N, C-alpha and C. Protein backbone atom coordinates (compact mmCIF):
# COMPACT_ATOMS: atom_id res chain seq x y z
N MET A 1 7.50 -11.65 7.72
CA MET A 1 7.66 -10.34 8.19
C MET A 1 6.57 -10.11 9.25
N GLU A 2 6.93 -9.60 10.41
CA GLU A 2 5.99 -9.33 11.40
C GLU A 2 5.06 -8.21 11.04
N SER A 3 3.78 -8.25 11.50
CA SER A 3 2.83 -7.26 11.03
C SER A 3 3.16 -5.95 11.45
N GLU A 4 3.80 -5.68 12.64
CA GLU A 4 4.16 -4.34 13.12
C GLU A 4 5.29 -3.83 12.25
N LEU A 5 6.24 -4.63 11.85
CA LEU A 5 7.37 -4.23 11.02
C LEU A 5 6.79 -3.91 9.58
N LEU A 6 5.90 -4.68 9.12
CA LEU A 6 5.29 -4.43 7.80
C LEU A 6 4.55 -3.12 7.75
N THR A 7 3.79 -2.84 8.90
CA THR A 7 3.09 -1.59 8.96
C THR A 7 4.06 -0.41 8.90
N SER A 8 5.20 -0.55 9.69
CA SER A 8 6.18 0.52 9.67
C SER A 8 6.81 0.71 8.32
N GLN A 9 7.11 -0.38 7.65
CA GLN A 9 7.72 -0.36 6.26
C GLN A 9 6.74 0.39 5.28
N ILE A 10 5.46 0.02 5.35
CA ILE A 10 4.50 0.59 4.38
C ILE A 10 4.33 2.12 4.73
N THR A 11 4.23 2.41 6.01
CA THR A 11 4.09 3.81 6.41
C THR A 11 5.29 4.62 5.96
N ALA A 12 6.46 4.16 6.18
CA ALA A 12 7.73 4.89 5.79
C ALA A 12 7.77 5.01 4.27
N ALA A 13 7.37 3.99 3.53
CA ALA A 13 7.37 4.08 2.07
C ALA A 13 6.41 5.09 1.59
N TYR A 14 5.21 5.17 2.22
CA TYR A 14 4.21 6.17 1.81
C TYR A 14 4.68 7.58 2.09
N ILE A 15 5.23 7.76 3.28
CA ILE A 15 5.70 9.10 3.69
C ILE A 15 6.83 9.54 2.76
N THR A 16 7.79 8.65 2.52
CA THR A 16 8.89 9.07 1.69
C THR A 16 8.49 9.31 0.26
N ALA A 17 7.61 8.46 -0.24
CA ALA A 17 7.12 8.72 -1.64
C ALA A 17 6.31 10.04 -1.77
N SER A 18 5.54 10.28 -0.71
CA SER A 18 4.80 11.54 -0.69
C SER A 18 5.65 12.79 -0.64
N ILE A 19 6.72 12.74 0.16
CA ILE A 19 7.73 13.84 0.31
C ILE A 19 8.39 14.06 -1.01
N LEU A 20 8.84 12.96 -1.66
CA LEU A 20 9.44 13.06 -2.97
C LEU A 20 8.53 13.66 -4.04
N GLN A 21 7.24 13.34 -3.99
CA GLN A 21 6.26 13.91 -4.96
C GLN A 21 6.10 15.36 -4.65
N TRP A 22 6.02 15.69 -3.35
CA TRP A 22 5.92 17.10 -2.99
C TRP A 22 7.12 17.93 -3.49
N LEU A 23 8.34 17.34 -3.28
CA LEU A 23 9.54 18.00 -3.78
C LEU A 23 9.59 18.19 -5.28
N LYS A 24 9.01 17.29 -5.99
CA LYS A 24 8.97 17.38 -7.48
C LYS A 24 8.22 18.63 -7.92
N LEU A 25 7.34 19.13 -7.14
CA LEU A 25 6.55 20.29 -7.53
C LEU A 25 7.09 21.59 -7.03
N LYS A 26 8.23 21.57 -6.28
CA LYS A 26 8.89 22.77 -5.80
C LYS A 26 10.02 23.25 -6.68
N PRO A 27 9.95 24.48 -7.15
CA PRO A 27 10.94 25.03 -8.06
C PRO A 27 12.31 25.16 -7.40
N TRP A 28 12.34 25.34 -6.05
CA TRP A 28 13.57 25.52 -5.31
C TRP A 28 14.32 24.23 -5.01
N PHE A 29 13.77 23.08 -5.46
CA PHE A 29 14.42 21.79 -5.33
C PHE A 29 14.55 21.15 -6.70
N PRO A 30 15.61 21.66 -7.46
CA PRO A 30 15.72 21.26 -8.90
C PRO A 30 16.22 19.83 -9.01
N PHE A 31 16.67 19.14 -7.98
CA PHE A 31 17.28 17.86 -8.18
C PHE A 31 16.27 16.78 -8.56
N VAL A 32 14.97 16.98 -8.08
CA VAL A 32 13.96 15.98 -8.33
C VAL A 32 12.86 16.77 -9.01
N GLN A 33 12.71 16.47 -10.30
CA GLN A 33 11.62 17.13 -11.01
C GLN A 33 10.82 16.09 -11.72
N GLU A 34 9.59 16.40 -12.05
CA GLU A 34 8.56 15.47 -12.63
C GLU A 34 9.05 14.71 -13.82
N ASN A 35 9.86 15.41 -14.69
CA ASN A 35 10.23 14.69 -15.94
C ASN A 35 11.62 14.08 -15.95
N MET A 36 12.18 13.89 -14.76
CA MET A 36 13.48 13.15 -14.61
C MET A 36 13.35 11.86 -13.98
N ALA A 37 12.84 10.86 -14.66
CA ALA A 37 12.50 9.59 -14.07
C ALA A 37 13.69 8.88 -13.44
N SER A 38 14.78 8.77 -14.22
CA SER A 38 15.97 8.04 -13.73
C SER A 38 16.59 8.71 -12.55
N LEU A 39 16.64 10.04 -12.52
CA LEU A 39 17.21 10.74 -11.32
C LEU A 39 16.27 10.58 -10.19
N ASN A 40 14.93 10.56 -10.40
CA ASN A 40 14.02 10.38 -9.35
C ASN A 40 14.18 9.02 -8.68
N ARG A 41 14.38 8.03 -9.51
CA ARG A 41 14.61 6.64 -8.99
C ARG A 41 15.94 6.56 -8.20
N ALA A 42 16.93 7.20 -8.63
CA ALA A 42 18.22 7.17 -7.94
C ALA A 42 18.06 7.90 -6.58
N PHE A 43 17.34 9.04 -6.63
CA PHE A 43 17.15 9.77 -5.33
C PHE A 43 16.28 8.90 -4.41
N ALA A 44 15.26 8.24 -4.92
CA ALA A 44 14.43 7.37 -4.07
C ALA A 44 15.21 6.20 -3.48
N ALA A 45 16.11 5.66 -4.28
CA ALA A 45 16.93 4.55 -3.79
C ALA A 45 17.85 5.02 -2.62
N MET A 46 18.46 6.23 -2.85
CA MET A 46 19.28 6.86 -1.79
C MET A 46 18.49 7.04 -0.51
N VAL A 47 17.28 7.57 -0.60
CA VAL A 47 16.44 7.82 0.50
C VAL A 47 16.02 6.43 1.20
N ALA A 48 15.82 5.45 0.40
CA ALA A 48 15.56 4.13 0.97
C ALA A 48 16.63 3.55 1.71
N PHE A 49 17.90 3.76 1.22
CA PHE A 49 19.07 3.24 1.81
C PHE A 49 19.25 3.96 3.16
N ILE A 50 19.10 5.28 3.19
CA ILE A 50 19.27 6.08 4.40
C ILE A 50 18.22 5.67 5.41
N ALA A 51 16.97 5.41 4.94
CA ALA A 51 15.85 5.08 5.86
C ALA A 51 16.07 3.69 6.51
N SER A 52 16.78 2.77 5.87
CA SER A 52 16.81 1.46 6.37
C SER A 52 18.18 1.00 6.86
N ILE A 53 19.17 1.77 6.86
CA ILE A 53 20.51 1.41 7.30
C ILE A 53 20.63 1.32 8.86
N GLY A 54 21.40 0.36 9.24
CA GLY A 54 21.45 0.10 10.72
C GLY A 54 22.74 0.53 11.31
N ILE A 55 23.34 1.59 10.78
CA ILE A 55 24.61 2.06 11.33
C ILE A 55 24.35 3.28 12.18
N HIS A 56 24.95 3.35 13.35
CA HIS A 56 24.69 4.42 14.27
C HIS A 56 26.03 5.13 14.54
N TYR A 57 25.94 6.35 14.97
CA TYR A 57 27.20 7.10 15.31
C TYR A 57 26.89 8.00 16.46
N THR A 58 27.96 8.32 17.18
CA THR A 58 27.94 9.30 18.24
C THR A 58 29.22 10.21 18.13
N PHE A 59 29.06 11.42 18.50
CA PHE A 59 30.16 12.38 18.37
C PHE A 59 30.35 13.03 19.74
N ASP A 60 31.58 12.91 20.26
CA ASP A 60 31.89 13.62 21.56
C ASP A 60 32.67 14.90 21.14
N ALA A 61 31.95 16.00 21.22
CA ALA A 61 32.54 17.31 20.84
C ALA A 61 33.69 17.67 21.72
N GLU A 62 33.66 17.34 22.91
CA GLU A 62 34.69 17.73 23.81
C GLU A 62 36.07 17.07 23.48
N LEU A 63 35.94 15.76 23.22
CA LEU A 63 37.19 14.97 22.82
C LEU A 63 37.46 15.07 21.31
N GLY A 64 36.41 15.39 20.53
CA GLY A 64 36.57 15.43 19.10
C GLY A 64 36.59 13.96 18.55
N VAL A 65 35.84 13.04 19.11
CA VAL A 65 35.84 11.68 18.75
C VAL A 65 34.51 11.25 18.13
N LEU A 66 34.59 10.69 16.96
CA LEU A 66 33.37 10.16 16.24
C LEU A 66 33.52 8.65 16.42
N THR A 67 32.37 8.09 16.90
CA THR A 67 32.36 6.61 17.09
C THR A 67 31.22 6.06 16.21
N ILE A 68 31.53 5.11 15.39
CA ILE A 68 30.65 4.53 14.47
C ILE A 68 30.43 3.08 14.92
N THR A 69 29.16 2.64 15.13
CA THR A 69 28.88 1.30 15.55
C THR A 69 27.94 0.61 14.56
N GLY A 70 27.95 -0.69 14.56
CA GLY A 70 27.11 -1.45 13.70
C GLY A 70 27.59 -1.64 12.30
N LEU A 71 28.86 -1.30 12.04
CA LEU A 71 29.47 -1.37 10.71
C LEU A 71 30.11 -2.77 10.50
N THR A 72 29.28 -3.77 10.33
CA THR A 72 29.76 -5.13 10.04
C THR A 72 29.24 -5.59 8.72
N THR A 73 29.78 -6.69 8.18
CA THR A 73 29.36 -7.24 6.93
C THR A 73 27.90 -7.58 6.98
N ALA A 74 27.50 -8.25 8.10
CA ALA A 74 26.11 -8.64 8.25
C ALA A 74 25.17 -7.45 8.25
N THR A 75 25.60 -6.38 8.94
CA THR A 75 24.71 -5.15 9.04
C THR A 75 24.68 -4.58 7.65
N ILE A 76 25.73 -4.48 6.91
CA ILE A 76 25.69 -3.91 5.54
C ILE A 76 24.81 -4.68 4.62
N LEU A 77 24.96 -6.04 4.75
CA LEU A 77 24.10 -6.91 3.82
C LEU A 77 22.69 -6.82 4.25
N HIS A 78 22.42 -6.85 5.47
CA HIS A 78 21.01 -6.75 5.97
C HIS A 78 20.40 -5.40 5.60
N GLY A 79 21.21 -4.30 5.82
CA GLY A 79 20.80 -2.96 5.53
C GLY A 79 20.56 -2.80 4.00
N SER A 80 21.36 -3.43 3.14
CA SER A 80 21.14 -3.39 1.72
C SER A 80 19.81 -4.09 1.33
N TRP A 81 19.56 -5.31 1.92
CA TRP A 81 18.32 -5.96 1.63
C TRP A 81 17.16 -5.07 2.08
N ALA A 82 17.26 -4.53 3.25
CA ALA A 82 16.11 -3.67 3.75
C ALA A 82 15.93 -2.48 2.77
N ALA A 83 17.03 -1.93 2.27
CA ALA A 83 16.92 -0.77 1.36
C ALA A 83 16.21 -1.16 0.10
N ILE A 84 16.54 -2.40 -0.42
CA ILE A 84 15.87 -2.90 -1.59
C ILE A 84 14.35 -3.04 -1.35
N GLN A 85 14.03 -3.55 -0.26
CA GLN A 85 12.59 -3.76 0.18
C GLN A 85 11.92 -2.37 0.26
N GLN A 86 12.60 -1.45 0.92
CA GLN A 86 12.04 -0.09 1.16
C GLN A 86 11.81 0.58 -0.23
N PHE A 87 12.81 0.45 -1.12
CA PHE A 87 12.71 1.06 -2.44
C PHE A 87 11.51 0.53 -3.27
N ALA A 88 11.41 -0.85 -3.18
CA ALA A 88 10.27 -1.48 -3.86
C ALA A 88 8.92 -0.98 -3.29
N MET A 89 8.86 -0.83 -1.97
CA MET A 89 7.58 -0.36 -1.38
C MET A 89 7.35 1.08 -1.78
N GLN A 90 8.40 1.92 -1.83
CA GLN A 90 8.21 3.32 -2.29
C GLN A 90 7.66 3.36 -3.74
N GLN A 91 8.29 2.59 -4.58
CA GLN A 91 7.77 2.51 -5.97
C GLN A 91 6.36 2.04 -6.04
N PHE A 92 5.95 1.07 -5.26
CA PHE A 92 4.59 0.55 -5.20
C PHE A 92 3.65 1.62 -4.71
N MET A 93 4.05 2.35 -3.63
CA MET A 93 3.18 3.48 -3.13
C MET A 93 3.06 4.55 -4.14
N TYR A 94 4.19 4.94 -4.77
CA TYR A 94 4.16 6.05 -5.73
C TYR A 94 3.21 5.70 -6.90
N LYS A 95 3.47 4.46 -7.56
CA LYS A 95 2.75 4.14 -8.76
C LYS A 95 1.32 3.67 -8.46
N GLY A 96 1.10 3.13 -7.24
CA GLY A 96 -0.21 2.55 -6.94
C GLY A 96 -1.16 3.54 -6.19
N VAL A 97 -0.54 4.45 -5.39
CA VAL A 97 -1.37 5.27 -4.53
C VAL A 97 -1.20 6.79 -4.88
N ILE A 98 0.01 7.23 -4.89
CA ILE A 98 0.24 8.70 -5.07
C ILE A 98 0.04 9.21 -6.46
N LYS A 99 0.66 8.58 -7.49
CA LYS A 99 0.53 9.05 -8.83
C LYS A 99 -0.87 9.04 -9.33
N PRO A 100 -1.69 8.02 -9.08
CA PRO A 100 -3.14 8.13 -9.50
C PRO A 100 -3.86 9.36 -8.90
N GLN A 101 -3.51 9.72 -7.63
CA GLN A 101 -4.16 10.86 -7.06
C GLN A 101 -3.74 12.15 -7.68
N VAL A 102 -2.44 12.26 -8.08
CA VAL A 102 -1.93 13.44 -8.79
C VAL A 102 -2.61 13.55 -10.17
N THR A 103 -2.74 12.38 -10.87
CA THR A 103 -3.33 12.48 -12.12
C THR A 103 -4.75 12.88 -12.12
N VAL A 104 -5.55 12.40 -11.19
CA VAL A 104 -6.94 12.76 -10.96
C VAL A 104 -7.00 14.25 -10.64
N ALA A 105 -6.14 14.74 -9.74
CA ALA A 105 -6.19 16.11 -9.33
C ALA A 105 -5.88 17.11 -10.40
N GLU A 106 -5.13 16.72 -11.44
CA GLU A 106 -4.70 17.58 -12.54
C GLU A 106 -5.77 17.87 -13.42
C-alpha cells in the first residue's frame, strides 16, 4: 500500500471512529449508543462501505436522468475489500486510540 494511501485510510478511520464515538454520547442519535456493541459494529461497517465505495452518480434535473458509473463486478469486489480494510482500521482506531482516551477522561 502506498504511504499516501495508507495515511488517507488511517486518517479516514480515525475521523469516522471519532464521529461515531461522539454520536454515542448524543441523546438525539439513538441508533448508536454506548451499550449497543453489535449495532455499533454494523453502523461502523456501513460507514466503512460508504467511505470506500467507488461508485459515482450524476443527476440531470432538467432531463430527470440519473447516471450511475463504476458499477462493475471488479469495482464492487474492490470496494468490498476496501470497506473491510476501512472497517478494520476503524476498529483499531476505536479500540487502540479513542476508547482509552474516553476511559481515562471518565
